[in-house]
Protein backbone atom coordinates (compact mmCIF):
# COMPACT_ATOMS: atom_id res chain seq x y z
CA UNK A 1 67.39 114.47 116.95
CA UNK A 2 69.10 116.94 117.64
CA UNK A 3 72.72 118.18 115.77
CA UNK A 4 75.63 118.97 117.36
CA UNK A 5 77.77 121.38 115.49
CA UNK A 6 81.46 121.49 117.60
CA UNK A 7 82.60 125.08 116.81
CA UNK A 8 86.49 124.57 117.12
CA UNK A 9 88.15 122.01 117.04
CA UNK A 10 91.08 122.62 120.34
CA UNK A 11 88.87 120.16 122.30
CA UNK A 12 89.85 117.41 119.42
CA UNK A 13 93.33 118.34 119.02
CA UNK A 14 93.78 118.23 122.72
CA UNK A 15 92.46 115.05 122.83
CA UNK A 16 94.38 113.77 119.91
CA UNK A 17 97.48 115.24 121.27
CA UNK A 18 97.31 113.30 123.94
CA UNK A 19 96.52 110.09 123.12
CA UNK A 20 99.19 110.29 120.54
CA UNK A 21 101.24 111.03 123.91
CA UNK A 22 100.11 108.39 125.94
CA UNK A 23 101.03 106.21 123.24
CA UNK A 24 104.64 107.96 122.63
CA UNK A 25 105.01 107.42 126.40
CA UNK A 26 104.09 103.69 126.47
CA UNK A 27 106.28 102.60 123.65
CA UNK A 28 109.39 104.27 124.49
CA UNK A 29 108.97 103.00 128.03
CA UNK A 30 108.36 99.36 127.17
CA UNK A 31 111.95 100.49 124.42
CA UNK A 32 113.86 101.47 127.60
CA UNK A 33 112.58 97.68 130.00
CA UNK A 34 113.94 96.03 126.95
CA UNK A 35 117.12 98.23 126.03
CA UNK A 36 119.99 96.14 127.20
CA UNK A 37 121.87 98.85 129.77
CA UNK A 38 125.00 100.07 128.30
CA UNK A 39 128.04 99.70 130.82
CA UNK A 40 132.25 101.21 130.71
CA UNK A 41 133.44 99.62 133.83
CA UNK A 42 133.20 95.64 133.99
CA UNK A 43 131.48 93.82 137.03
CA UNK A 44 134.54 92.31 138.01
CA UNK A 45 134.94 89.33 139.99
CA UNK A 46 134.39 89.04 143.44
CA UNK A 47 137.46 88.09 144.49
CA UNK A 48 136.36 86.52 147.51
CA UNK A 49 134.78 84.11 145.82
CA UNK A 50 137.00 83.08 143.72
CA UNK A 51 138.46 79.61 145.21
CA UNK A 52 142.40 80.61 144.49
CA UNK A 53 142.09 83.70 146.55
CA UNK A 54 140.90 81.39 149.84
CA UNK A 55 143.87 79.35 148.76
CA UNK A 56 145.88 82.04 148.65
CA UNK A 57 144.58 83.43 151.26
CA UNK A 58 144.87 79.81 153.60
CA UNK A 59 148.46 79.44 152.06
CA UNK A 60 149.62 83.10 153.57
CA UNK A 61 148.97 82.01 157.03
CA UNK A 62 150.24 78.83 156.40
CA UNK A 63 153.36 80.46 155.48
CA UNK A 64 153.73 82.69 158.53
CA UNK A 65 152.80 79.69 160.70
CA UNK A 66 155.78 77.52 159.35
CA UNK A 67 158.56 80.83 158.67
CA UNK A 68 157.72 81.42 162.98
CA UNK A 69 158.22 77.76 164.09
CA UNK A 70 160.58 76.28 161.32
CA UNK A 71 163.04 79.02 160.21
CA UNK A 72 165.44 81.23 162.00
CA UNK A 73 163.89 84.07 163.35
CA UNK A 74 167.52 86.09 162.66
CA UNK A 75 170.54 85.61 160.10
CA UNK A 76 168.41 84.01 157.19
CA UNK A 77 166.61 86.10 154.57
CA UNK A 78 164.45 83.12 153.77
CA UNK A 79 161.60 83.83 156.09
CA UNK A 80 160.78 87.54 155.06
CA UNK A 81 161.31 86.31 151.47
CA UNK A 82 158.68 83.41 151.66
CA UNK A 83 156.19 85.17 153.86
CA UNK A 84 156.32 88.01 151.74
CA UNK A 85 155.89 86.05 148.17
CA UNK A 86 152.90 84.38 149.95
CA UNK A 87 151.45 87.56 151.10
CA UNK A 88 152.05 89.34 146.90
CA UNK A 89 150.23 86.26 145.56
CA UNK A 90 147.15 87.60 147.57
CA UNK A 91 147.24 90.39 147.52
CA UNK A 92 147.92 90.94 143.83
CA UNK A 93 144.78 88.65 143.64
CA UNK A 94 142.82 91.14 144.80
CA UNK A 95 143.97 94.05 143.45
CA UNK A 96 144.11 92.46 139.91
CA UNK A 97 140.32 91.42 140.55
CA UNK A 98 139.41 95.83 141.52
CA UNK A 99 141.45 96.57 138.89
CA UNK A 100 140.08 94.82 136.36
CA UNK A 101 137.42 96.63 136.66
CA UNK A 102 138.56 99.04 134.42
CA UNK A 103 141.15 97.36 133.06
CA UNK A 104 141.43 93.85 132.00
CA UNK A 105 144.58 94.01 130.82
CA UNK A 106 146.17 95.66 134.59
CA UNK A 107 144.03 92.73 135.93
CA UNK A 108 145.90 90.29 134.02
CA UNK A 109 149.40 91.79 134.41
CA UNK A 110 148.61 92.02 138.34
CA UNK A 111 147.23 87.77 138.43
CA UNK A 112 150.67 87.28 136.44
CA UNK A 113 153.30 88.95 139.19
CA UNK A 114 150.55 86.53 141.97
CA UNK A 115 151.73 83.36 139.77
CA UNK A 116 155.15 84.85 139.69
CA UNK A 117 154.98 84.99 143.84
CA UNK A 118 153.75 81.22 144.41
CA UNK A 119 155.77 79.71 141.85
CA UNK A 120 158.61 81.64 144.14
CA UNK A 121 157.12 80.23 147.29
CA UNK A 122 156.53 76.62 146.11
CA UNK A 123 160.55 76.48 144.84
CA UNK A 124 161.40 77.74 148.39
CA UNK A 125 159.22 74.85 149.94
CA UNK A 126 160.15 72.47 147.76
CA UNK A 127 164.17 73.49 148.70
CA UNK A 128 163.38 73.32 152.22
CA UNK A 129 162.59 69.69 151.84
CA UNK A 130 165.46 68.77 149.85
CA UNK A 131 168.03 70.21 151.15
CA UNK A 132 166.85 69.04 154.88
CA UNK A 133 166.74 65.30 152.71
CA UNK A 134 162.57 65.19 153.66
CA UNK A 135 160.77 63.05 151.73
CA UNK A 136 158.36 65.26 148.85
CA UNK A 137 155.16 63.93 148.56
CA UNK A 138 154.07 62.59 145.27
CA UNK A 139 152.16 60.16 143.82
CA UNK A 140 152.41 56.86 145.56
CA UNK A 141 153.34 58.20 148.99
CA UNK A 142 150.74 56.44 151.53
CA UNK A 143 149.27 60.12 152.68
CA UNK A 144 149.37 61.57 149.00
CA UNK A 145 146.30 61.18 147.93
CA UNK A 146 144.67 62.26 151.29
CA UNK A 147 146.44 65.45 151.05
CA UNK A 148 145.15 66.38 147.82
CA UNK A 149 141.55 65.17 148.51
CA UNK A 150 141.71 67.72 151.58
CA UNK A 151 143.03 71.05 150.30
CA UNK A 152 141.50 70.38 146.81
CA UNK A 153 137.68 70.04 149.27
CA UNK A 154 138.99 72.47 151.63
CA UNK A 155 139.46 76.32 150.84
CA UNK A 156 138.64 77.89 154.70
CA UNK A 157 140.94 78.99 157.01
CA UNK A 158 138.71 77.11 159.74
CA UNK A 159 139.91 73.97 158.48
CA UNK A 160 143.83 74.33 158.79
CA UNK A 161 144.59 76.60 161.50
CA UNK A 162 143.79 73.69 163.90
CA UNK A 163 146.92 72.14 162.10
CA UNK A 164 149.30 74.91 162.18
CA UNK A 165 150.66 73.69 165.95
CA UNK A 166 150.57 70.21 165.23
CA UNK A 167 152.32 69.56 161.76
CA UNK A 168 155.70 68.45 161.43
CA UNK A 169 157.44 70.60 159.09
CA UNK A 170 157.95 67.76 156.38
CA UNK A 171 153.95 67.63 156.67
CA UNK A 172 153.38 71.75 156.29
CA UNK A 173 155.84 71.99 153.88
CA UNK A 174 153.93 69.48 151.83
CA UNK A 175 150.75 71.07 152.07
CA UNK A 176 151.85 74.57 151.65
CA UNK A 177 153.54 72.82 148.35
CA UNK A 178 150.33 71.51 147.51
CA UNK A 179 149.02 74.60 147.87
CA UNK A 180 150.69 76.15 145.71
CA UNK A 181 149.96 73.92 143.06
CA UNK A 182 146.56 74.44 143.07
CA UNK A 183 146.70 77.85 143.37
CA UNK A 184 148.77 78.08 139.92
CA UNK A 185 146.56 76.10 138.26
CA UNK A 186 143.34 77.15 139.04
CA UNK A 187 144.77 80.81 138.24
CA UNK A 188 145.62 79.79 134.86
CA UNK A 189 142.14 78.52 134.20
CA UNK A 190 140.96 81.84 134.79
CA UNK A 191 143.43 83.93 133.46
CA UNK A 192 142.73 81.78 129.95
CA UNK A 193 139.34 83.10 130.22
CA UNK A 194 140.18 86.40 131.26
CA UNK A 195 142.26 86.57 127.73
CA UNK A 196 139.32 84.98 125.65
CA UNK A 197 137.33 87.69 127.33
CA UNK A 198 139.75 90.33 126.15
CA UNK A 199 139.45 88.93 122.89
CA UNK A 200 135.65 88.92 122.13
CA UNK A 201 134.76 91.58 124.38
CA UNK A 202 137.56 94.12 124.06
CA UNK A 203 139.14 96.56 127.13
CA UNK A 204 137.64 99.35 128.65
CA UNK A 205 138.38 101.53 125.27
CA UNK A 206 136.32 99.39 123.48
CA UNK A 207 133.11 99.48 125.56
CA UNK A 208 133.63 103.11 126.18
CA UNK A 209 133.72 103.37 122.44
CA UNK A 210 130.39 101.19 122.00
CA UNK A 211 128.66 103.08 124.98
CA UNK A 212 128.84 106.47 123.27
CA UNK A 213 128.01 104.74 120.24
CA UNK A 214 124.98 103.11 121.71
CA UNK A 215 123.86 106.36 123.03
CA UNK A 216 124.14 108.48 120.28
CA UNK A 217 122.43 105.48 118.19
CA UNK A 218 119.56 105.86 120.54
CA UNK A 219 119.22 109.50 120.02
CA UNK A 220 118.77 109.53 116.75
CA UNK A 221 116.24 106.40 116.64
CA UNK A 222 114.12 108.76 119.37
CA UNK A 223 114.66 111.44 116.90
CA UNK A 224 113.51 109.97 114.12
CA UNK A 225 110.40 108.46 116.11
CA UNK A 226 109.22 111.67 117.41
CA UNK A 227 109.82 113.39 113.97
CA UNK A 228 107.42 110.84 112.63
CA UNK A 229 105.06 110.92 115.28
CA UNK A 230 104.55 114.79 114.66
CA UNK A 231 104.26 114.05 110.57
CA UNK A 232 101.35 111.42 111.87
CA UNK A 233 100.26 114.35 114.46
CA UNK A 234 99.53 116.99 111.62
CA UNK A 235 98.01 114.78 109.37
CA UNK A 236 95.35 113.74 112.18
CA UNK A 237 95.38 117.82 113.17
CA UNK A 238 94.43 118.41 109.06
CA UNK A 239 91.95 116.00 108.47
CA UNK A 240 90.07 116.93 111.62
CA UNK A 241 89.96 120.87 110.32
CA UNK A 242 88.44 119.21 106.97
CA UNK A 243 85.81 117.13 108.79
CA UNK A 244 85.17 119.94 110.76
CA UNK A 245 84.88 122.62 107.77
CA UNK A 246 82.34 119.91 106.30
CA UNK A 247 80.22 119.38 109.42
CA UNK A 248 80.65 123.52 109.54
CA UNK A 249 79.24 124.10 105.62
CA UNK A 250 76.21 121.17 106.37
CA UNK A 251 75.43 122.71 109.61
CA UNK A 252 75.08 126.23 107.75
CA UNK A 253 73.00 124.67 104.88
CA UNK A 254 70.70 122.73 107.61
CA UNK A 255 70.42 126.41 109.33
CA UNK A 256 69.55 128.48 105.93
CA UNK A 257 67.13 125.71 104.92
CA UNK A 258 65.32 126.08 108.49
CA UNK A 259 65.33 129.01 108.16
CA UNK A 260 63.45 129.45 105.08
């Protein structure tokens, strides 16, 4: 049986190095796949999908139609104030949700501005009904529950626009008043959710700190891993060198014996 002597350990070293490298890359890739991504910006709510935004949009257009139909066009600031209040509610929801990607505090402030606007509009609708001795639809009124169910279930403009030219001022004011209450209640619930999230997760400064700390910890862990793998590789190469020297000595002994 022929004896094969490896004259150099380069090939072995290369093989071991490649194996260690492949093993390291596999572990690193797996770790990266399992690692939870760090984010500084909040995803933020998709404001178009928020039900209270959809209702605020309906409320704005209903208010606009109401004011143009039933309020004086000149000499009375109520029309402009009501339209601006309805618009402020809608727009501050949009701006608050967008700003919330970087600042939960700003989102809370702007949504509170939106709430203040809808409260102002609610009082205007209520004053209109009372000042003209109309009926305020409350529980017990024959149309109250029907109105509540309709406004609760419908958030699309298409469900309301057909009535803008048909409802009386009493009907329109009561529907607008009901929408104001619903928007306010839904926004209050959302604000409580934001407050809880802010307390438990912090704002952008806390997220930035967590992101930086997480990145440094990952780099430290990666460095320690590489140092450990280098040490293992050096031990493997040292062992191969000793084995190579042993085989060289045995080969020389056999060579001398066969020559003799």
